[in-house]
Amino acid sequence: MKTLTLKLPDDLNTRLNMVSKKKGISKSHVVRKALAVFFVREEKPMEGSFLSFAEDLSGCIDAPPDLSTKKKYMEECGQSIHRPFAVLTRDAENAE
């Protein structure tokens, strides 16, 4: 394994120390996992339509054929959905 030396801002260093202690793993292991998650996300092609990404899910639930025909299903339609940084960080911590 190769050695890497890097400079971290204080906030990242604090978070790295906290995760390392909480999980009982080395800081190097936390950084390796975070890099692995980053590289996997970067390698995923983002070309194509939503249908091409979700076609295997089409028809997998029992629901009305067109949810847009009922107003109650449209109440939250168009609202912005953001994944907070904490969720992304938790995802990175749980990835192997």
C-alpha atoms as a PDB file:
ATOM      1  CA  MET A   1       0.000   0.000   0.000  1.00  0.00           C
ATOM      2  CA  LYS A   2       1.238   3.496  -0.840  1.00  0.00           C
ATOM      3  CA  THR A   3       1.460   6.339   1.670  1.00  0.00           C
ATOM      4  CA  LEU A   4      -0.307   9.640   1.080  1.00  0.00           C
ATOM      5  CA  THR A   5       0.231  12.826   3.050  1.00  0.00           C
ATOM      6  CA  LEU A   6      -2.363  15.570   2.864  1.00  0.00           C
ATOM      7  CA  LYS A   7      -3.355  18.799   4.557  1.00  0.00           C
ATOM      8  CA  LEU A   8      -6.857  18.998   6.013  1.00  0.00           C
ATOM      9  CA  PRO A   9      -8.791  22.035   7.179  1.00  0.00           C
ATOM     10  CA  ASP A  10      -9.512  21.953  10.906  1.00  0.00           C
ATOM     11  CA  ASP A  11     -13.195  21.097  10.438  1.00  0.00           C
ATOM     12  CA  LEU A  12     -12.449  18.059   8.258  1.00  0.00           C
ATOM     13  CA  ASN A  13      -9.736  16.898  10.609  1.00  0.00           C
ATOM     14  CA  THR A  14     -12.141  17.157  13.563  1.00  0.00           C
ATOM     15  CA  ARG A  15     -14.806  15.190  11.710  1.00  0.00           C
ATOM     16  CA  LEU A  16     -12.255  12.595  10.618  1.00  0.00           C
ATOM     17  CA  ASN A  17     -11.119  12.119  14.215  1.00  0.00           C
ATOM     18  CA  MET A  18     -14.723  11.846  15.445  1.00  0.00           C
ATOM     19  CA  VAL A  19     -15.704   9.224  12.854  1.00  0.00           C
ATOM     20  CA  SER A  20     -12.527   7.264  13.434  1.00  0.00           C
ATOM     21  CA  LYS A  21     -13.085   7.109  17.190  1.00  0.00           C
ATOM     22  CA  LYS A  22     -16.820   6.437  16.890  1.00  0.00           C
ATOM     23  CA  LYS A  23     -16.312   3.541  14.457  1.00  0.00           C
ATOM     24  CA  GLY A  24     -13.172   2.270  16.153  1.00  0.00           C
ATOM     25  CA  ILE A  25     -11.215   2.319  12.896  1.00  0.00           C
ATOM     26  CA  SER A  26      -8.129   4.159  11.762  1.00  0.00           C
ATOM     27  CA  LYS A  27      -8.282   7.558  10.112  1.00  0.00           C
ATOM     28  CA  SER A  28      -6.603   5.983   7.095  1.00  0.00           C
ATOM     29  CA  HIS A  29      -9.458   3.486   6.817  1.00  0.00           C
ATOM     30  CA  VAL A  30     -12.052   6.282   6.957  1.00  0.00           C
ATOM     31  CA  VAL A  31     -10.231   8.198   4.202  1.00  0.00           C
ATOM     32  CA  ARG A  32      -9.899   5.054   2.047  1.00  0.00           C
ATOM     33  CA  LYS A  33     -13.634   4.374   2.380  1.00  0.00           C
ATOM     34  CA  ALA A  34     -14.501   7.990   1.546  1.00  0.00           C
ATOM     35  CA  LEU A  35     -12.276   7.918  -1.531  1.00  0.00           C
ATOM     36  CA  ALA A  36     -13.781   4.606  -2.649  1.00  0.00           C
ATOM     37  CA  VAL A  37     -17.292   6.082  -2.421  1.00  0.00           C
ATOM     38  CA  PHE A  38     -16.175   9.219  -4.256  1.00  0.00           C
ATOM     39  CA  PHE A  39     -14.619   7.212  -7.095  1.00  0.00           C
ATOM     40  CA  VAL A  40     -17.669   4.971  -7.459  1.00  0.00           C
ATOM     41  CA  ARG A  41     -19.951   8.001  -7.710  1.00  0.00           C
ATOM     42  CA  GLU A  42     -17.634   9.695 -10.201  1.00  0.00           C
ATOM     43  CA  GLU A  43     -17.481   6.593 -12.426  1.00  0.00           C
ATOM     44  CA  LYS A  44     -21.238   6.264 -12.797  1.00  0.00           C
ATOM     45  CA  PRO A  45     -22.303   7.510 -16.211  1.00  0.00           C
ATOM     46  CA  MET A  46     -24.876  10.258 -15.959  1.00  0.00           C
ATOM     47  CA  GLU A  47     -26.021  10.057 -19.564  1.00  0.00           C
ATOM     48  CA  GLY A  48     -29.433   8.883 -20.633  1.00  0.00           C
ATOM     49  CA  SER A  49     -32.950   9.495 -19.486  1.00  0.00           C
ATOM     50  CA  PHE A  50     -34.454   8.862 -16.096  1.00  0.00           C
ATOM     51  CA  LEU A  51     -36.386   5.989 -17.646  1.00  0.00           C
ATOM     52  CA  SER A  52     -33.165   4.313 -18.744  1.00  0.00           C
ATOM     53  CA  PHE A  53     -31.925   4.444 -15.135  1.00  0.00           C
ATOM     54  CA  ALA A  54     -35.185   3.256 -13.576  1.00  0.00           C
ATOM     55  CA  GLU A  55     -36.626   0.942 -16.197  1.00  0.00           C
ATOM     56  CA  ASP A  56     -36.026  -2.105 -13.990  1.00  0.00           C
ATOM     57  CA  LEU A  57     -38.264  -0.482 -11.355  1.00  0.00           C
ATOM     58  CA  SER A  58     -41.124   0.225 -13.742  1.00  0.00           C
ATOM     59  CA  GLY A  59     -44.218  -1.649 -12.620  1.00  0.00           C
ATOM     60  CA  CYS A  60     -42.613  -2.985  -9.434  1.00  0.00           C
ATOM     61  CA  ILE A  61     -45.281  -1.533  -7.102  1.00  0.00           C
ATOM     62  CA  ASP A  62     -49.025  -1.888  -6.948  1.00  0.00           C
ATOM     63  CA  ALA A  63     -50.347   1.627  -7.520  1.00  0.00           C
ATOM     64  CA  PRO A  64     -52.723   3.535  -9.761  1.00  0.00           C
ATOM     65  CA  PRO A  65     -51.366   3.540 -13.321  1.00  0.00           C
ATOM     66  CA  ASP A  66     -51.117   7.330 -13.415  1.00  0.00           C
ATOM     67  CA  LEU A  67     -50.525   8.987 -10.041  1.00  0.00           C
ATOM     68  CA  SER A  68     -51.007  12.425 -11.578  1.00  0.00           C
ATOM     69  CA  THR A  69     -54.736  11.785 -12.043  1.00  0.00           C
ATOM     70  CA  LYS A  70     -55.350  12.133  -8.298  1.00  0.00           C
ATOM     71  CA  LYS A  71     -54.660  15.540  -6.768  1.00  0.00           C
ATOM     72  CA  LYS A  72     -53.627  14.096  -3.405  1.00  0.00           C
ATOM     73  CA  TYR A  73     -50.648  12.408  -5.078  1.00  0.00           C
ATOM     74  CA  MET A  74     -49.521  15.713  -6.586  1.00  0.00           C
ATOM     75  CA  GLU A  75     -49.426  17.776  -3.359  1.00  0.00           C
ATOM     76  CA  GLU A  76     -45.649  17.582  -2.967  1.00  0.00           C
ATOM     77  CA  CYS A  77     -44.848  17.408  -6.667  1.00  0.00           C
ATOM     78  CA  GLY A  78     -42.195  19.883  -7.734  1.00  0.00           C
ATOM     79  CA  GLN A  79     -40.878  20.569  -4.259  1.00  0.00           C
ATOM     80  CA  SER A  80     -37.126  20.581  -4.052  1.00  0.00           C
ATOM     81  CA  ILE A  81     -35.546  17.568  -2.425  1.00  0.00           C
ATOM     82  CA  HIS A  82     -32.023  18.050  -1.132  1.00  0.00           C
ATOM     83  CA  ARG A  83     -29.905  15.444   0.587  1.00  0.00           C
ATOM     84  CA  PRO A  84     -28.170  17.215   3.469  1.00  0.00           C
ATOM     85  CA  PHE A  85     -24.411  16.886   3.787  1.00  0.00           C
ATOM     86  CA  ALA A  86     -24.907  14.765   6.915  1.00  0.00           C
ATOM     87  CA  VAL A  87     -26.796  12.155   4.871  1.00  0.00           C
ATOM     88  CA  LEU A  88     -24.083  12.045   2.213  1.00  0.00           C
ATOM     89  CA  THR A  89     -21.436  11.723   4.927  1.00  0.00           C
ATOM     90  CA  ARG A  90     -23.383   8.894   6.588  1.00  0.00           C
ATOM     91  CA  ASP A  91     -23.644   7.141   3.211  1.00  0.00           C
ATOM     92  CA  ALA A  92     -19.896   7.423   2.764  1.00  0.00           C
ATOM     93  CA  GLU A  93     -19.271   6.039   6.240  1.00  0.00           C
ATOM     94  CA  ASN A  94     -21.464   3.002   5.564  1.00  0.00           C
ATOM     95  CA  ALA A  95     -20.012   2.217   2.130  1.00  0.00           C
ATOM     96  CA  GLU A  96     -17.537  -0.560   1.701  1.00  0.00           C
END
